C-alpha atoms as a PDB file:
ATOM      1  CA  MET A   1     -56.114-161.584-152.422  1.00  0.00           C
ATOM      2  CA  ASN A   2     -54.548-159.481-150.216  1.00  0.00           C
ATOM      3  CA  ARG A   3     -53.199-156.692-150.504  1.00  0.00           C
ATOM      4  CA  CYS A   4     -52.188-153.149-149.077  1.00  0.00           C
ATOM      5  CA  GLU A   5     -55.575-151.480-147.904  1.00  0.00           C
ATOM      6  CA  TRP A   6     -54.958-147.812-150.036  1.00  0.00           C
ATOM      7  CA  ALA A   7     -54.498-150.151-153.008  1.00  0.00           C
ATOM      8  CA  ASN A   8     -58.372-151.217-152.732  1.00  0.00           C
ATOM      9  CA  CYS A   9     -59.557-148.200-154.285  1.00  0.00           C
ATOM     10  CA  GLY A  10     -60.561-148.852-157.836  1.00  0.00           C
ATOM     11  CA  PRO A  11     -59.055-150.934-160.724  1.00  0.00           C
ATOM     12  CA  LEU A  12     -56.244-147.755-161.074  1.00  0.00           C
ATOM     13  CA  GLU A  13     -54.718-148.712-157.473  1.00  0.00           C
ATOM     14  CA  ILE A  14     -55.107-151.923-157.851  1.00  0.00           C
ATOM     15  CA  LYS A  15     -52.848-152.245-161.085  1.00  0.00           C
ATOM     16  CA  TYR A  16     -50.519-149.700-159.837  1.00  0.00           C
ATOM     17  CA  HIS A  17     -50.241-151.465-156.821  1.00  0.00           C
ATOM     18  CA  ASP A  18     -49.671-154.824-158.393  1.00  0.00           C
ATOM     19  CA  GLU A  19     -47.710-153.929-160.864  1.00  0.00           C
ATOM     20  CA  GLU A  20     -45.757-150.773-160.160  1.00  0.00           C
ATOM     21  CA  TRP A  21     -45.348-149.750-156.520  1.00  0.00           C
ATOM     22  CA  GLY A  22     -42.150-150.824-154.760  1.00  0.00           C
ATOM     23  CA  VAL A  23     -40.689-151.977-157.509  1.00  0.00           C
ATOM     24  CA  PRO A  24     -37.604-150.628-158.096  1.00  0.00           C
ATOM     25  CA  VAL A  25     -36.599-148.046-161.032  1.00  0.00           C
ATOM     26  CA  HIS A  26     -33.515-147.270-162.140  1.00  0.00           C
ATOM     27  CA  ASP A  27     -34.573-145.477-165.431  1.00  0.00           C
ATOM     28  CA  ASP A  28     -34.335-141.951-165.073  1.00  0.00           C
ATOM     29  CA  CYS A  29     -37.229-140.842-167.758  1.00  0.00           C
ATOM     30  CA  LEU A  30     -39.202-142.970-165.629  1.00  0.00           C
ATOM     31  CA  LEU A  31     -37.569-141.196-162.115  1.00  0.00           C
ATOM     32  CA  PHE A  32     -38.637-138.034-163.275  1.00  0.00           C
ATOM     33  CA  GLU A  33     -42.107-138.491-164.360  1.00  0.00           C
ATOM     34  CA  MET A  34     -42.450-140.386-160.898  1.00  0.00           C
ATOM     35  CA  LEU A  35     -41.085-137.203-159.116  1.00  0.00           C
ATOM     36  CA  ILE A  36     -43.252-135.084-161.132  1.00  0.00           C
ATOM     37  CA  LEU A  37     -46.549-137.091-160.345  1.00  0.00           C
ATOM     38  CA  GLU A  38     -45.833-137.425-156.834  1.00  0.00           C
ATOM     39  CA  GLY A  39     -44.895-133.193-156.778  1.00  0.00           C
ATOM     40  CA  ALA A  40     -48.770-133.107-158.373  1.00  0.00           C
ATOM     41  CA  GLN A  41     -50.492-135.470-156.163  1.00  0.00           C
ATOM     42  CA  SER A  42     -49.417-132.750-152.884  1.00  0.00           C
ATOM     43  CA  GLY A  43     -52.485-131.709-151.871  1.00  0.00           C
ATOM     44  CA  LEU A  44     -54.908-134.344-154.351  1.00  0.00           C
ATOM     45  CA  SER A  45     -55.646-138.306-154.417  1.00  0.00           C
ATOM     46  CA  TRP A  46     -53.430-140.523-155.661  1.00  0.00           C
ATOM     47  CA  SER A  47     -56.475-141.451-157.344  1.00  0.00           C
ATOM     48  CA  THR A  48     -56.704-138.003-159.335  1.00  0.00           C
ATOM     49  CA  ILE A  49     -52.986-138.430-160.504  1.00  0.00           C
ATOM     50  CA  LEU A  50     -53.646-141.929-161.578  1.00  0.00           C
ATOM     51  CA  LYS A  51     -56.898-141.101-164.075  1.00  0.00           C
ATOM     52  CA  LYS A  52     -54.549-137.762-165.187  1.00  0.00           C
ATOM     53  CA  ARG A  53     -51.301-140.372-165.963  1.00  0.00           C
ATOM     54  CA  GLU A  54     -51.553-140.508-169.518  1.00  0.00           C
ATOM     55  CA  GLY A  55     -52.717-137.141-169.981  1.00  0.00           C
ATOM     56  CA  TYR A  56     -49.238-136.080-168.242  1.00  0.00           C
ATOM     57  CA  GLN A  57     -47.172-137.989-170.240  1.00  0.00           C
ATOM     58  CA  GLU A  58     -48.963-136.611-173.640  1.00  0.00           C
ATOM     59  CA  ALA A  59     -48.808-133.451-172.258  1.00  0.00           C
ATOM     60  CA  PHE A  60     -44.858-133.315-170.935  1.00  0.00           C
ATOM     61  CA  ASP A  61     -43.260-135.303-173.754  1.00  0.00           C
ATOM     62  CA  ASN A  62     -43.149-138.590-171.951  1.00  0.00           C
ATOM     63  CA  PHE A  63     -41.155-137.173-169.192  1.00  0.00           C
ATOM     64  CA  ASP A  64     -38.220-136.459-171.073  1.00  0.00           C
ATOM     65  CA  ALA A  65     -36.224-133.879-169.165  1.00  0.00           C
ATOM     66  CA  GLU A  66     -34.520-132.393-172.003  1.00  0.00           C
ATOM     67  CA  LYS A  67     -37.513-131.429-174.230  1.00  0.00           C
ATOM     68  CA  VAL A  68     -39.448-130.404-170.755  1.00  0.00           C
ATOM     69  CA  SER A  69     -36.692-127.356-169.706  1.00  0.00           C
ATOM     70  CA  LYS A  70     -37.041-126.173-172.579  1.00  0.00           C
ATOM     71  CA  TYR A  71     -40.977-125.208-172.246  1.00  0.00           C
ATOM     72  CA  SER A  72     -41.669-121.608-172.958  1.00  0.00           C
ATOM     73  CA  ASP A  73     -44.192-119.314-170.995  1.00  0.00           C
ATOM     74  CA  ALA A  74     -46.371-119.696-173.926  1.00  0.00           C
ATOM     75  CA  LYS A  75     -46.693-123.805-174.072  1.00  0.00           C
ATOM     76  CA  ILE A  76     -47.028-123.553-169.830  1.00  0.00           C
ATOM     77  CA  GLU A  77     -49.874-121.278-170.236  1.00  0.00           C
ATOM     78  CA  GLU A  78     -51.564-124.195-172.815  1.00  0.00           C
ATOM     79  CA  LEU A  79     -50.474-127.015-170.013  1.00  0.00           C
ATOM     80  CA  VAL A  80     -52.735-124.931-167.892  1.00  0.00           C
ATOM     81  CA  LYS A  81     -55.485-124.953-169.765  1.00  0.00           C
ATOM     82  CA  ASN A  82     -54.921-128.651-170.325  1.00  0.00           C
ATOM     83  CA  SER A  83     -57.845-130.567-169.133  1.00  0.00           C
ATOM     84  CA  GLY A  84     -56.213-133.850-169.006  1.00  0.00           C
ATOM     85  CA  ILE A  85     -53.659-132.953-166.213  1.00  0.00           C
ATOM     86  CA  VAL A  86     -53.614-130.957-162.389  1.00  0.00           C
ATOM     87  CA  ARG A  87     -54.423-127.527-163.872  1.00  0.00           C
ATOM     88  CA  HIS A  88     -52.033-126.043-161.243  1.00  0.00           C
ATOM     89  CA  LYS A  89     -49.536-123.005-162.334  1.00  0.00           C
ATOM     90  CA  LEU A  90     -47.211-123.203-160.111  1.00  0.00           C
ATOM     91  CA  LYS A  91     -46.927-127.505-159.671  1.00  0.00           C
ATOM     92  CA  ILE A  92     -46.777-126.642-164.164  1.00  0.00           C
ATOM     93  CA  ASN A  93     -43.645-124.463-163.285  1.00  0.00           C
ATOM     94  CA  ALA A  94     -41.910-126.019-160.654  1.00  0.00           C
ATOM     95  CA  ALA A  95     -42.214-129.596-163.844  1.00  0.00           C
ATOM     96  CA  VAL A  96     -40.032-127.283-165.586  1.00  0.00           C
ATOM     97  CA  VAL A  97     -37.651-125.972-163.343  1.00  0.00           C
ATOM     98  CA  ASN A  98     -37.035-129.715-161.860  1.00  0.00           C
ATOM     99  CA  ALA A  99     -36.613-130.640-165.817  1.00  0.00           C
ATOM    100  CA  LYS A 100     -33.520-128.165-165.783  1.00  0.00           C
ATOM    101  CA  CYS A 101     -32.511-129.122-162.571  1.00  0.00           C
ATOM    102  CA  VAL A 102     -32.321-133.329-163.623  1.00  0.00           C
ATOM    103  CA  LEU A 103     -30.091-132.300-166.215  1.00  0.00           C
ATOM    104  CA  GLU A 104     -27.673-130.412-164.168  1.00  0.00           C
ATOM    105  CA  ILE A 105     -27.611-133.440-161.711  1.00  0.00           C
ATOM    106  CA  LYS A 106     -27.526-135.704-164.942  1.00  0.00           C
ATOM    107  CA  LYS A 107     -23.814-133.753-165.458  1.00  0.00           C
ATOM    108  CA  GLU A 108     -22.651-133.907-161.910  1.00  0.00           C
ATOM    109  CA  TYR A 109     -23.403-137.297-161.158  1.00  0.00           C
ATOM    110  CA  GLY A 110     -23.516-139.099-164.117  1.00  0.00           C
ATOM    111  CA  SER A 111     -27.222-140.044-164.200  1.00  0.00           C
ATOM    112  CA  PHE A 112     -30.268-139.162-161.918  1.00  0.00           C
ATOM    113  CA  ASP A 113     -30.604-142.697-160.584  1.00  0.00           C
ATOM    114  CA  ARG A 114     -27.233-142.677-159.481  1.00  0.00           C
ATOM    115  CA  TYR A 115     -27.581-139.566-157.398  1.00  0.00           C
ATOM    116  CA  LEU A 116     -31.456-140.504-156.085  1.00  0.00           C
ATOM    117  CA  TRP A 117     -30.871-143.651-155.064  1.00  0.00           C
ATOM    118  CA  SER A 118     -27.763-142.464-153.021  1.00  0.00           C
ATOM    119  CA  PHE A 119     -29.777-141.652-150.322  1.00  0.00           C
ATOM    120  CA  VAL A 120     -30.730-145.108-149.751  1.00  0.00           C
ATOM    121  CA  ASP A 121     -26.991-146.344-150.200  1.00  0.00           C
ATOM    122  CA  GLY A 122     -27.765-147.773-153.896  1.00  0.00           C
ATOM    123  CA  LYS A 123     -30.418-150.728-152.296  1.00  0.00           C
ATOM    124  CA  PRO A 124     -33.940-150.840-151.180  1.00  0.00           C
ATOM    125  CA  VAL A 125     -35.077-150.668-147.844  1.00  0.00           C
ATOM    126  CA  ASN A 126     -37.097-153.639-146.743  1.00  0.00           C
ATOM    127  CA  ASN A 127     -39.544-152.942-143.863  1.00  0.00           C
ATOM    128  CA  LYS A 128     -41.708-155.020-142.268  1.00  0.00           C
ATOM    129  CA  TRP A 129     -45.245-153.246-141.483  1.00  0.00           C
ATOM    130  CA  ALA A 130     -48.201-155.171-140.735  1.00  0.00           C
ATOM    131  CA  VAL A 131     -50.154-152.173-140.605  1.00  0.00           C
ATOM    132  CA  GLN A 132     -50.957-149.408-142.356  1.00  0.00           C
ATOM    133  CA  ASP A 133     -51.059-147.038-139.281  1.00  0.00           C
ATOM    134  CA  GLU A 134     -46.914-148.564-138.789  1.00  0.00           C
ATOM    135  CA  VAL A 135     -45.617-146.670-142.432  1.00  0.00           C
ATOM    136  CA  PRO A 136     -44.245-143.394-142.287  1.00  0.00           C
ATOM    137  CA  VAL A 137     -44.994-140.248-144.176  1.00  0.00           C
ATOM    138  CA  SER A 138     -41.618-139.785-144.147  1.00  0.00           C
ATOM    139  CA  THR A 139     -38.257-140.805-142.997  1.00  0.00           C
ATOM    140  CA  VAL A 140     -34.386-139.206-141.880  1.00  0.00           C
ATOM    141  CA  GLU A 141     -33.746-140.491-145.641  1.00  0.00           C
ATOM    142  CA  SER A 142     -36.405-138.835-146.807  1.00  0.00           C
ATOM    143  CA  THR A 143     -36.207-135.431-145.266  1.00  0.00           C
ATOM    144  CA  GLU A 144     -32.500-135.484-146.840  1.00  0.00           C
ATOM    145  CA  MET A 145     -33.608-136.305-149.927  1.00  0.00           C
ATOM    146  CA  SER A 146     -35.831-133.828-150.038  1.00  0.00           C
ATOM    147  CA  LYS A 147     -32.718-131.074-148.297  1.00  0.00           C
ATOM    148  CA  SER A 148     -30.562-132.200-151.565  1.00  0.00           C
ATOM    149  CA  LEU A 149     -33.064-131.772-153.839  1.00  0.00           C
ATOM    150  CA  LYS A 150     -34.042-127.747-152.885  1.00  0.00           C
ATOM    151  CA  LYS A 151     -30.873-127.359-152.556  1.00  0.00           C
ATOM    152  CA  ASN A 152     -30.422-128.319-155.984  1.00  0.00           C
ATOM    153  CA  GLY A 153     -33.361-125.610-157.097  1.00  0.00           C
ATOM    154  CA  PHE A 154     -36.076-128.510-157.162  1.00  0.00           C
ATOM    155  CA  LYS A 155     -39.473-127.680-156.937  1.00  0.00           C
ATOM    156  CA  PHE A 156     -42.663-129.264-154.415  1.00  0.00           C
ATOM    157  CA  ILE A 157     -40.636-131.837-153.138  1.00  0.00           C
ATOM    158  CA  GLY A 158     -40.815-131.986-149.300  1.00  0.00           C
ATOM    159  CA  PRO A 159     -40.093-134.651-147.218  1.00  0.00           C
ATOM    160  CA  THR A 160     -43.480-136.852-147.311  1.00  0.00           C
ATOM    161  CA  THR A 161     -43.561-136.040-151.374  1.00  0.00           C
ATOM    162  CA  CYS A 162     -39.958-137.594-151.108  1.00  0.00           C
ATOM    163  CA  TYR A 163     -40.788-140.660-148.896  1.00  0.00           C
ATOM    164  CA  ALA A 164     -44.373-141.081-151.877  1.00  0.00           C
ATOM    165  CA  PHE A 165     -41.662-141.255-154.320  1.00  0.00           C
ATOM    166  CA  MET A 166     -39.344-143.692-152.605  1.00  0.00           C
ATOM    167  CA  GLN A 167     -41.884-146.040-151.696  1.00  0.00           C
ATOM    168  CA  ALA A 168     -43.595-145.903-155.400  1.00  0.00           C
ATOM    169  CA  VAL A 169     -40.071-146.328-157.171  1.00  0.00           C
ATOM    170  CA  GLY A 170     -38.671-149.100-154.851  1.00  0.00           C
ATOM    171  CA  MET A 171     -36.148-147.763-152.888  1.00  0.00           C
ATOM    172  CA  VAL A 172     -38.104-148.734-149.884  1.00  0.00           C
ATOM    173  CA  ASN A 173     -41.022-151.403-150.200  1.00  0.00           C
ATOM    174  CA  ASP A 174     -43.629-150.739-147.608  1.00  0.00           C
ATOM    175  CA  HIS A 175     -46.292-153.376-148.899  1.00  0.00           C
ATOM    176  CA  LEU A 176     -47.495-154.485-145.909  1.00  0.00           C
ATOM    177  CA  ILE A 177     -46.253-158.306-144.627  1.00  0.00           C
ATOM    178  CA  SER A 178     -49.525-159.431-144.960  1.00  0.00           C
ATOM    179  CA  CYS A 179     -49.828-158.081-149.611  1.00  0.00           C
ATOM    180  CA  PHE A 180     -49.701-160.769-151.472  1.00  0.00           C
ATOM    181  CA  ARG A 181     -46.576-158.200-153.812  1.00  0.00           C
ATOM    182  CA  TYR A 182     -44.228-158.087-150.524  1.00  0.00           C
ATOM    183  CA  PRO A 183     -42.758-161.250-151.038  1.00  0.00           C
ATOM    184  CA  ASP A 184     -42.579-160.649-154.748  1.00  0.00           C
ATOM    185  CA  VAL A 185     -40.481-156.638-154.270  1.00  0.00           C
ATOM    186  CA  ILE A 186     -38.492-158.597-151.471  1.00  0.00           C
ATOM    187  CA  LYS A 187     -37.433-161.085-154.250  1.00  0.00           C
ATOM    188  CA  MET A 188     -37.060-157.809-156.817  1.00  0.00           C
ATOM    189  CA  HIS A 189     -34.952-156.019-154.611  1.00  0.00           C
ATOM    190  CA  GLY A 190     -32.372-159.327-153.961  1.00  0.00           C
ATOM    191  CA  VAL A 191     -33.358-159.927-150.856  1.00  0.00           C
ATOM    192  CA  GLU A 192     -34.582-163.895-150.657  1.00  0.00           C
END
């Protein structure tokens, strides 16, 4: 079975690639989760984050932004000691700050989903990459998303992180055209 090259690292990557990566996400809670996980991944491998994903879900109340936004300094210190997540205080603080920002975005836009998907005009971008080296690390859209998120107070959210997030939640289809998932994801994007 032909997959995107990056997915052939191990069973977690294969499962994630085959079932989630590139599939359009419109659930605010899952969008918040992926944003936090992509920020946590900064400087690390995605494999590290996938291995700790359940730990993150447990530690961060299944990414309920309302709950995470109320984390106290004591809770943050507790998280810094939690081996089930990446114990990086700035990234943990960023998750709490970002939860508060998500709540503000929801007030203004009605949903986090509506705000995020506006960077691709509400519909996925279907790319046609033949080899992994063609896939960019950031785009005009991810740069605009990063600027907007930062303006709204978000942390750990540069253009590269935003692009990885866009790929993960199906705002862009960056499966290689030779990948068995490419046509499936195209159909999910409403394109035949």
